[in-house]
Amino acid sequence: MMILLSCAKTMAESSRVKAPAGTEPLFAGRAKELVLQMSQFSVEELKRVLQVNGKIALQNYRRFQEFHDADGPALQALLAYTGIVFKRIRPQDFTADDFLYAQEHLRLTSFCYGLLRPLDRIKNYRMEGNVCLPELGGGPVFDYWKPLLTDPFIEAVRQQGGVLVNLASAEMKQLFDWKRVEKEVQVITPEFQVEKEGKLATVVVYTKMCRGEMTRYILKNRLTRPEALTGFTFDGFTFRPESSDGTTFRFTLRT
């Protein structure tokens, strides 16, 4: 079983958690090329291109300028991203075996690095999938990565039994030829909703928390079969078979 997660916008340069190894991203060279292009933008241009405020634009201007420094800080991806999803995975209590298992069974999307394993050492950056660069033919980053990522991603899923648990945000499908992914491997998409007065609603913060908790659940319990996901519970969220099917597993919280 393979898990797919989205990268986070917030990142750290260091961590007290000690991972058992550090690996090089598969597309490290491509990342350097993209960052080299991003480093040509001024702070004001980055505000527009990344659609961020001045503080974040300045922070990432500096990151892009320092990205190619050989001695610059780099951290394993599972520790570098600090968003809600990654906080809920809680790698601080992972054993060495947990990290190594995650390395084989978890992939993280990245607009800068393409596709990452948990132990891949990465540098801080800010990138968006809709960024268009002249050197990419004027097309968005999404289109740049799609022909590069699809084959290795499908192969990675096949090596782990051919089952993909898609816990990434919907926009990440644009990084792959998703129709091919769905055709060549079994894709399970968990959905997390809150039920109130008979109506279902998606609450973003709950969805992110559940994605992180489910990732931890899969990794810690070494799950290999889709039906094992139905045992997942978190903070009142439970599996609802009546509203699930072979590809969508729905978990709801009744309030």
Foldseek 3Di string as FASTA:
>chain_A
DAEEAEFAQAWDLDDPADAPAADAFPQNVQLLVVLVQVLVDDLVVQCVLLVHDSVVSVVQNVCSVCVPPPPGGWFFRLRTGDDLLSVLLPCSPPDNVLLVLQQLHYWYADLRRGIHGRRYIHGRHGDDQQRATVVQVRGGSLVVQAVVRAVVVQVSCVVLPQEYEYLYDPVCCSNYPVVVSVVRGQAAYEDEWEAEPRDTDHDVSVSSSVSSNLVNVCSVVVDRDPVVSQPDDDPQWHWDVVPADRHYTYTYHYD
